Amino acid sequence: MAGMDPMPPEALLADCSEPMRAIAEQLRLVVRQALPDAIERVRTGWRIIGYDVPVGRRTAYFAWIWPQVEHVHLGFVHGVAMDDPERRLRGQAGVKLARWITLVPGDPIDEPALEALVREGARVAGLPRPERLWRALDAEAGPARR
C-alpha cells in the first residue's frame, strides 16, 4: 500500500522455523555474492523475497527465495530459458517458464553452482523478450534441438 514501509526480509523470515530460516539466509547471501547490485524486496502477497536486476534504465524481476514449512525454493522467473548444463533446475506441469531448486535441511548448498545460476537468471531476464521466448521454445523442444 502507498505510504507503507516495505517489509524487511528478516520480518518475513521471522515466521519460519529455524532450519528454513537458515536455508533462506544462506540463499540470500548467495544472491548478494553473485549480484551485489540485485534489488531485494519482500513481495508480501506471495510471501517471497524477490530479486530485480538493473537492466538499462529499468529493472527486471528475475529470482525469488520462497520459504515454506517443509523446504525453501530458489526460483527463477525465466528458468526454462536459462542455461542449466547440470540440470539442477526443476519445474512442474502447468508452470511453463519458471524453474527452481528446492532445498531441505541437511541438503548441501553448492554456493558456486548457485551463484552461477543466479548470474544466469539475471542475464536471461535482461535479454530482449523475443530472445527469451526463442530460448524457452528451444528448451521446450528438448535435447534433440540442442
N, C-alpha and C. Protein backbone atom coordinates (compact mmCIF):
# COMPACT_ATOMS: atom_id res chain seq x y z
N MET A 1 0.84 -1.19 0.00
CA MET A 1 0.00 0.00 0.00
C MET A 1 0.88 1.24 0.00
N ALA A 2 0.38 2.29 -0.62
CA ALA A 2 1.14 3.52 -0.69
C ALA A 2 1.40 4.05 0.71
N GLY A 3 2.62 4.53 0.90
CA GLY A 3 2.96 5.13 2.17
C GLY A 3 3.46 4.15 3.22
N MET A 4 3.30 2.87 2.97
CA MET A 4 3.77 1.88 3.96
C MET A 4 5.23 1.55 3.70
N ASP A 5 5.96 1.35 4.78
CA ASP A 5 7.33 0.91 4.61
C ASP A 5 7.33 -0.52 4.12
N PRO A 6 8.27 -0.85 3.24
CA PRO A 6 8.33 -2.24 2.78
C PRO A 6 8.71 -3.17 3.93
N MET A 7 8.23 -4.39 3.85
CA MET A 7 8.58 -5.39 4.87
C MET A 7 10.01 -5.84 4.66
N PRO A 8 10.84 -5.82 5.68
CA PRO A 8 12.21 -6.33 5.52
C PRO A 8 12.18 -7.86 5.43
N PRO A 9 13.13 -8.44 4.70
CA PRO A 9 13.18 -9.89 4.59
C PRO A 9 13.22 -10.58 5.96
N GLU A 10 13.91 -9.97 6.91
CA GLU A 10 14.00 -10.57 8.25
C GLU A 10 12.63 -10.74 8.88
N ALA A 11 11.71 -9.82 8.61
CA ALA A 11 10.36 -9.92 9.17
C ALA A 11 9.61 -11.09 8.53
N LEU A 12 9.76 -11.27 7.24
CA LEU A 12 9.14 -12.42 6.57
C LEU A 12 9.70 -13.73 7.14
N LEU A 13 11.01 -13.77 7.30
CA LEU A 13 11.67 -15.00 7.75
C LEU A 13 11.45 -15.28 9.24
N ALA A 14 11.02 -14.27 10.00
CA ALA A 14 10.79 -14.46 11.43
C ALA A 14 9.70 -15.50 11.70
N ASP A 15 8.79 -15.67 10.75
CA ASP A 15 7.72 -16.66 10.90
C ASP A 15 8.15 -18.08 10.54
N CYS A 16 9.35 -18.24 10.02
CA CYS A 16 9.83 -19.55 9.56
C CYS A 16 10.50 -20.31 10.70
N SER A 17 10.51 -21.62 10.57
CA SER A 17 11.27 -22.43 11.53
C SER A 17 12.75 -22.10 11.36
N GLU A 18 13.53 -22.35 12.40
CA GLU A 18 14.96 -22.05 12.34
C GLU A 18 15.66 -22.74 11.17
N PRO A 19 15.39 -24.03 10.88
CA PRO A 19 16.07 -24.67 9.73
C PRO A 19 15.74 -23.99 8.39
N MET A 20 14.48 -23.60 8.20
CA MET A 20 14.09 -22.95 6.93
C MET A 20 14.68 -21.54 6.86
N ARG A 21 14.69 -20.85 8.00
CA ARG A 21 15.26 -19.50 8.03
C ARG A 21 16.76 -19.57 7.70
N ALA A 22 17.46 -20.57 8.22
CA ALA A 22 18.89 -20.70 7.95
C ALA A 22 19.16 -20.95 6.47
N ILE A 23 18.34 -21.79 5.83
CA ILE A 23 18.50 -22.04 4.39
C ILE A 23 18.24 -20.74 3.62
N ALA A 24 17.15 -20.06 3.96
CA ALA A 24 16.80 -18.81 3.26
C ALA A 24 17.90 -17.76 3.42
N GLU A 25 18.45 -17.63 4.62
CA GLU A 25 19.52 -16.65 4.84
C GLU A 25 20.76 -17.01 4.03
N GLN A 26 21.08 -18.30 3.93
CA GLN A 26 22.24 -18.69 3.13
C GLN A 26 21.98 -18.40 1.65
N LEU A 27 20.76 -18.61 1.19
CA LEU A 27 20.43 -18.29 -0.21
C LEU A 27 20.48 -16.79 -0.46
N ARG A 28 20.04 -15.99 0.51
CA ARG A 28 20.15 -14.53 0.37
C ARG A 28 21.61 -14.13 0.19
N LEU A 29 22.49 -14.75 0.96
CA LEU A 29 23.92 -14.47 0.84
C LEU A 29 24.44 -14.87 -0.54
N VAL A 30 24.01 -16.01 -1.05
CA VAL A 30 24.41 -16.47 -2.38
C VAL A 30 24.02 -15.42 -3.43
N VAL A 31 22.79 -14.91 -3.34
CA VAL A 31 22.34 -13.90 -4.32
C VAL A 31 23.18 -12.64 -4.20
N ARG A 32 23.41 -12.18 -2.97
CA ARG A 32 24.22 -10.95 -2.78
C ARG A 32 25.65 -11.13 -3.28
N GLN A 33 26.23 -12.31 -3.04
CA GLN A 33 27.60 -12.57 -3.51
C GLN A 33 27.65 -12.60 -5.04
N ALA A 34 26.63 -13.21 -5.66
CA ALA A 34 26.62 -13.33 -7.12
C ALA A 34 26.32 -12.01 -7.79
N LEU A 35 25.39 -11.25 -7.22
CA LEU A 35 24.92 -9.99 -7.84
C LEU A 35 24.74 -8.92 -6.78
N PRO A 36 25.81 -8.25 -6.39
CA PRO A 36 25.69 -7.22 -5.36
C PRO A 36 24.70 -6.11 -5.72
N ASP A 37 24.44 -5.88 -7.01
CA ASP A 37 23.52 -4.82 -7.43
C ASP A 37 22.06 -5.26 -7.46
N ALA A 38 21.79 -6.54 -7.20
CA ALA A 38 20.40 -7.02 -7.22
C ALA A 38 19.60 -6.27 -6.15
N ILE A 39 18.36 -5.99 -6.48
CA ILE A 39 17.45 -5.27 -5.58
C ILE A 39 16.57 -6.32 -4.90
N GLU A 40 16.67 -6.38 -3.58
CA GLU A 40 15.94 -7.37 -2.80
C GLU A 40 14.73 -6.71 -2.17
N ARG A 41 13.56 -7.35 -2.31
CA ARG A 41 12.38 -6.83 -1.62
C ARG A 41 11.38 -7.95 -1.41
N VAL A 42 10.67 -7.84 -0.31
CA VAL A 42 9.64 -8.83 0.01
C VAL A 42 8.42 -8.52 -0.84
N ARG A 43 7.90 -9.55 -1.44
CA ARG A 43 6.62 -9.46 -2.15
C ARG A 43 5.62 -10.12 -1.21
N THR A 44 4.96 -9.27 -0.43
CA THR A 44 4.14 -9.76 0.68
C THR A 44 2.98 -10.63 0.21
N GLY A 45 2.37 -10.32 -0.90
CA GLY A 45 1.25 -11.12 -1.39
C GLY A 45 1.65 -12.56 -1.68
N TRP A 46 2.86 -12.75 -2.13
CA TRP A 46 3.35 -14.10 -2.45
C TRP A 46 4.14 -14.71 -1.30
N ARG A 47 4.47 -13.89 -0.30
CA ARG A 47 5.30 -14.32 0.84
C ARG A 47 6.65 -14.86 0.37
N ILE A 48 7.26 -14.10 -0.53
CA ILE A 48 8.58 -14.45 -1.05
C ILE A 48 9.51 -13.25 -0.94
N ILE A 49 10.80 -13.53 -1.04
CA ILE A 49 11.81 -12.48 -1.19
C ILE A 49 12.15 -12.48 -2.66
N GLY A 50 11.85 -11.38 -3.33
CA GLY A 50 12.06 -11.28 -4.77
C GLY A 50 13.29 -10.45 -5.08
N TYR A 51 13.84 -10.71 -6.25
CA TYR A 51 15.05 -10.00 -6.69
C TYR A 51 14.85 -9.44 -8.08
N ASP A 52 15.24 -8.16 -8.21
CA ASP A 52 15.25 -7.48 -9.50
C ASP A 52 16.70 -7.13 -9.81
N VAL A 53 16.98 -7.04 -11.09
CA VAL A 53 18.32 -6.67 -11.52
C VAL A 53 18.19 -5.45 -12.44
N PRO A 54 19.09 -4.47 -12.28
CA PRO A 54 19.05 -3.32 -13.19
C PRO A 54 19.35 -3.75 -14.62
N VAL A 55 18.52 -3.29 -15.56
CA VAL A 55 18.70 -3.56 -16.98
C VAL A 55 18.48 -2.23 -17.70
N GLY A 56 19.58 -1.59 -18.05
CA GLY A 56 19.45 -0.27 -18.66
C GLY A 56 18.80 0.69 -17.68
N ARG A 57 17.70 1.32 -18.13
CA ARG A 57 17.01 2.29 -17.28
C ARG A 57 15.84 1.68 -16.51
N ARG A 58 15.71 0.38 -16.57
CA ARG A 58 14.62 -0.28 -15.86
C ARG A 58 15.20 -1.40 -15.00
N THR A 59 14.33 -2.13 -14.34
CA THR A 59 14.76 -3.32 -13.61
C THR A 59 13.95 -4.50 -14.13
N ALA A 60 14.49 -5.69 -13.95
CA ALA A 60 13.80 -6.91 -14.35
C ALA A 60 13.76 -7.86 -13.16
N TYR A 61 12.57 -8.34 -12.87
CA TYR A 61 12.38 -9.33 -11.82
C TYR A 61 12.93 -10.65 -12.35
N PHE A 62 13.84 -11.28 -11.59
CA PHE A 62 14.48 -12.47 -12.14
C PHE A 62 14.53 -13.66 -11.20
N ALA A 63 14.40 -13.47 -9.89
CA ALA A 63 14.57 -14.60 -8.97
C ALA A 63 13.79 -14.38 -7.68
N TRP A 64 13.62 -15.48 -6.95
CA TRP A 64 12.97 -15.38 -5.65
C TRP A 64 13.48 -16.47 -4.72
N ILE A 65 13.29 -16.18 -3.44
CA ILE A 65 13.50 -17.17 -2.38
C ILE A 65 12.14 -17.32 -1.72
N TRP A 66 11.66 -18.57 -1.66
CA TRP A 66 10.33 -18.84 -1.14
C TRP A 66 10.42 -19.85 -0.01
N PRO A 67 10.47 -19.37 1.23
CA PRO A 67 10.48 -20.30 2.36
C PRO A 67 9.10 -20.88 2.59
N GLN A 68 9.05 -22.18 2.76
CA GLN A 68 7.80 -22.86 3.08
C GLN A 68 8.02 -23.72 4.31
N VAL A 69 7.00 -24.38 4.78
CA VAL A 69 7.10 -25.16 6.01
C VAL A 69 8.13 -26.28 5.88
N GLU A 70 8.14 -26.97 4.75
CA GLU A 70 8.97 -28.17 4.60
C GLU A 70 10.24 -27.98 3.78
N HIS A 71 10.36 -26.85 3.07
CA HIS A 71 11.54 -26.61 2.23
C HIS A 71 11.62 -25.13 1.84
N VAL A 72 12.70 -24.79 1.12
CA VAL A 72 12.88 -23.42 0.61
C VAL A 72 13.23 -23.54 -0.86
N HIS A 73 12.56 -22.73 -1.69
CA HIS A 73 12.85 -22.70 -3.12
C HIS A 73 13.74 -21.49 -3.44
N LEU A 74 14.71 -21.69 -4.33
CA LEU A 74 15.40 -20.61 -5.02
C LEU A 74 14.91 -20.72 -6.45
N GLY A 75 14.12 -19.74 -6.87
CA GLY A 75 13.46 -19.83 -8.17
C GLY A 75 13.87 -18.74 -9.12
N PHE A 76 13.62 -19.01 -10.41
CA PHE A 76 14.00 -18.10 -11.48
C PHE A 76 12.81 -17.90 -12.42
N VAL A 77 12.45 -16.64 -12.61
CA VAL A 77 11.28 -16.28 -13.39
C VAL A 77 11.34 -16.86 -14.80
N HIS A 78 12.49 -16.77 -15.44
CA HIS A 78 12.66 -17.26 -16.81
C HIS A 78 13.55 -18.50 -16.83
N GLY A 79 13.38 -19.36 -15.83
CA GLY A 79 14.24 -20.52 -15.67
C GLY A 79 14.29 -21.44 -16.86
N VAL A 80 13.18 -21.59 -17.57
CA VAL A 80 13.17 -22.50 -18.71
C VAL A 80 14.13 -22.04 -19.81
N ALA A 81 14.41 -20.74 -19.86
CA ALA A 81 15.29 -20.19 -20.89
C ALA A 81 16.76 -20.12 -20.45
N MET A 82 17.03 -20.54 -19.22
CA MET A 82 18.40 -20.46 -18.70
C MET A 82 19.25 -21.63 -19.15
N ASP A 83 20.54 -21.37 -19.29
CA ASP A 83 21.49 -22.46 -19.48
C ASP A 83 21.64 -23.15 -18.13
N ASP A 84 21.42 -24.44 -18.11
CA ASP A 84 21.49 -25.23 -16.88
C ASP A 84 22.14 -26.57 -17.22
N PRO A 85 23.45 -26.53 -17.54
CA PRO A 85 24.10 -27.76 -18.02
C PRO A 85 24.08 -28.91 -17.03
N GLU A 86 24.02 -28.62 -15.74
CA GLU A 86 23.99 -29.69 -14.74
C GLU A 86 22.57 -30.12 -14.41
N ARG A 87 21.59 -29.52 -15.09
CA ARG A 87 20.17 -29.86 -14.91
C ARG A 87 19.74 -29.82 -13.44
N ARG A 88 20.09 -28.73 -12.77
CA ARG A 88 19.73 -28.55 -11.37
C ARG A 88 18.30 -28.02 -11.21
N LEU A 89 17.83 -27.27 -12.19
CA LEU A 89 16.54 -26.61 -12.07
C LEU A 89 15.39 -27.58 -12.32
N ARG A 90 14.34 -27.39 -11.53
CA ARG A 90 13.15 -28.23 -11.64
C ARG A 90 11.94 -27.37 -11.99
N GLY A 91 10.92 -28.01 -12.50
CA GLY A 91 9.65 -27.36 -12.79
C GLY A 91 8.55 -28.35 -12.52
N GLN A 92 7.35 -27.99 -12.92
CA GLN A 92 6.24 -28.93 -12.76
C GLN A 92 5.20 -28.62 -13.81
N ALA A 93 4.33 -29.57 -14.04
CA ALA A 93 3.27 -29.39 -15.02
C ALA A 93 2.48 -28.13 -14.71
N GLY A 94 2.17 -27.37 -15.73
CA GLY A 94 1.40 -26.15 -15.56
C GLY A 94 2.24 -24.91 -15.34
N VAL A 95 3.53 -25.08 -15.06
CA VAL A 95 4.43 -23.93 -14.90
C VAL A 95 5.34 -23.91 -16.12
N LYS A 96 5.07 -22.99 -17.02
CA LYS A 96 5.77 -23.01 -18.30
C LYS A 96 7.15 -22.38 -18.28
N LEU A 97 7.34 -21.30 -17.55
CA LEU A 97 8.59 -20.54 -17.65
C LEU A 97 9.48 -20.64 -16.43
N ALA A 98 8.90 -20.61 -15.25
CA ALA A 98 9.71 -20.58 -14.02
C ALA A 98 10.34 -21.95 -13.76
N ARG A 99 11.51 -21.91 -13.13
CA ARG A 99 12.21 -23.12 -12.68
C ARG A 99 12.83 -22.80 -11.33
N TRP A 100 13.12 -23.84 -10.55
CA TRP A 100 13.63 -23.61 -9.20
C TRP A 100 14.45 -24.78 -8.71
N ILE A 101 15.13 -24.51 -7.62
CA ILE A 101 15.84 -25.53 -6.85
C ILE A 101 15.16 -25.56 -5.50
N THR A 102 14.95 -26.74 -4.97
CA THR A 102 14.31 -26.90 -3.67
C THR A 102 15.31 -27.49 -2.69
N LEU A 103 15.43 -26.84 -1.55
CA LEU A 103 16.37 -27.28 -0.53
C LEU A 103 15.63 -27.61 0.76
N VAL A 104 16.07 -28.68 1.41
CA VAL A 104 15.54 -29.08 2.72
C VAL A 104 16.70 -29.10 3.70
N PRO A 105 16.41 -29.04 4.99
CA PRO A 105 17.50 -29.09 5.97
C PRO A 105 18.40 -30.31 5.73
N GLY A 106 19.70 -30.06 5.79
CA GLY A 106 20.67 -31.11 5.56
C GLY A 106 21.20 -31.17 4.14
N ASP A 107 20.48 -30.55 3.19
CA ASP A 107 20.99 -30.51 1.81
C ASP A 107 22.25 -29.66 1.76
N PRO A 108 23.27 -30.11 1.03
CA PRO A 108 24.43 -29.24 0.85
C PRO A 108 24.05 -28.07 -0.05
N ILE A 109 24.57 -26.90 0.26
CA ILE A 109 24.33 -25.72 -0.58
C ILE A 109 25.62 -25.44 -1.34
N ASP A 110 25.59 -25.77 -2.63
CA ASP A 110 26.75 -25.60 -3.50
C ASP A 110 26.76 -24.14 -3.96
N GLU A 111 27.41 -23.29 -3.15
CA GLU A 111 27.37 -21.85 -3.41
C GLU A 111 27.88 -21.47 -4.79
N PRO A 112 29.04 -21.98 -5.25
CA PRO A 112 29.49 -21.59 -6.60
C PRO A 112 28.49 -21.96 -7.69
N ALA A 113 27.88 -23.13 -7.61
CA ALA A 113 26.90 -23.54 -8.62
C ALA A 113 25.66 -22.66 -8.55
N LEU A 114 25.20 -22.35 -7.34
CA LEU A 114 24.01 -21.49 -7.20
C LEU A 114 24.30 -20.06 -7.63
N GLU A 115 25.49 -19.57 -7.32
CA GLU A 115 25.86 -18.22 -7.78
C GLU A 115 25.85 -18.15 -9.30
N ALA A 116 26.34 -19.21 -9.95
CA ALA A 116 26.34 -19.24 -11.42
C ALA A 116 24.90 -19.21 -11.95
N LEU A 117 24.00 -19.94 -11.29
CA LEU A 117 22.60 -19.91 -11.71
C LEU A 117 21.98 -18.53 -11.48
N VAL A 118 22.31 -17.89 -10.39
CA VAL A 118 21.79 -16.54 -10.12
C VAL A 118 22.25 -15.57 -11.22
N ARG A 119 23.53 -15.63 -11.55
CA ARG A 119 24.04 -14.75 -12.62
C ARG A 119 23.37 -15.07 -13.95
N GLU A 120 23.16 -16.35 -14.24
CA GLU A 120 22.49 -16.75 -15.48
C GLU A 120 21.04 -16.29 -15.48
N GLY A 121 20.35 -16.41 -14.35
CA GLY A 121 18.96 -15.94 -14.27
C GLY A 121 18.85 -14.45 -14.54
N ALA A 122 19.78 -13.68 -14.00
CA ALA A 122 19.78 -12.24 -14.23
C ALA A 122 20.11 -11.93 -15.69
N ARG A 123 21.06 -12.67 -16.27
CA ARG A 123 21.42 -12.46 -17.68
C ARG A 123 20.21 -12.70 -18.58
N VAL A 124 19.51 -13.80 -18.35
CA VAL A 124 18.35 -14.14 -19.18
C VAL A 124 17.24 -13.11 -19.00
N ALA A 125 17.03 -12.64 -17.77
CA ALA A 125 15.99 -11.63 -17.52
C ALA A 125 16.28 -10.34 -18.28
N GLY A 126 17.55 -10.07 -18.53
CA GLY A 126 17.93 -8.86 -19.24
C GLY A 126 17.90 -8.99 -20.76
N LEU A 127 17.68 -10.19 -21.26
CA LEU A 127 17.62 -10.39 -22.71
C LEU A 127 16.36 -9.76 -23.29
N PRO A 128 16.40 -9.39 -24.56
CA PRO A 128 15.16 -8.91 -25.20
C PRO A 128 14.10 -10.03 -25.16
N ARG A 129 12.85 -9.64 -25.01
CA ARG A 129 11.76 -10.61 -24.89
C ARG A 129 11.75 -11.65 -26.01
N PRO A 130 11.94 -11.25 -27.28
CA PRO A 130 11.93 -12.28 -28.34
C PRO A 130 13.02 -13.34 -28.15
N GLU A 131 14.18 -12.93 -27.66
CA GLU A 131 15.24 -13.90 -27.45
C GLU A 131 14.91 -14.85 -26.30
N ARG A 132 14.32 -14.31 -25.23
CA ARG A 132 13.89 -15.19 -24.12
C ARG A 132 12.85 -16.19 -24.61
N LEU A 133 11.91 -15.72 -25.44
CA LEU A 133 10.87 -16.60 -25.98
C LEU A 133 11.50 -17.69 -26.84
N TRP A 134 12.44 -17.32 -27.69
CA TRP A 134 13.10 -18.31 -28.53
C TRP A 134 13.80 -19.35 -27.68
N ARG A 135 14.50 -18.90 -26.64
CA ARG A 135 15.21 -19.84 -25.76
C ARG A 135 14.22 -20.77 -25.04
N ALA A 136 13.07 -20.22 -24.62
CA ALA A 136 12.07 -21.04 -23.95
C ALA A 136 11.50 -22.09 -24.91
N LEU A 137 11.22 -21.69 -26.14
CA LEU A 137 10.71 -22.64 -27.13
C LEU A 137 11.75 -23.70 -27.45
N ASP A 138 13.00 -23.29 -27.52
CA ASP A 138 14.09 -24.23 -27.79
C ASP A 138 14.19 -25.25 -26.65
N ALA A 139 14.07 -24.78 -25.42
CA ALA A 139 14.14 -25.67 -24.26
C ALA A 139 12.96 -26.63 -24.26
N GLU A 140 11.77 -26.14 -24.65
CA GLU A 140 10.57 -26.97 -24.67
C GLU A 140 10.70 -28.09 -25.69
N ALA A 141 11.47 -27.84 -26.77
CA ALA A 141 11.64 -28.85 -27.80
C ALA A 141 12.53 -30.00 -27.31
N GLY A 142 13.28 -29.72 -26.26
CA GLY A 142 14.08 -30.79 -25.65
C GLY A 142 15.47 -30.89 -26.20
N PRO A 143 16.22 -31.88 -25.70
CA PRO A 143 17.64 -32.04 -26.05
C PRO A 143 17.88 -32.30 -27.54
N ALA A 144 16.88 -32.78 -28.23
CA ALA A 144 17.08 -33.10 -29.65
C ALA A 144 17.48 -31.87 -30.46
N ARG A 145 17.04 -30.69 -30.03
CA ARG A 145 17.36 -29.45 -30.78
C ARG A 145 18.63 -28.80 -30.31
N ARG A 146 19.24 -29.31 -29.26
CA ARG A 146 20.43 -28.65 -28.73
C ARG A 146 21.68 -29.26 -29.25
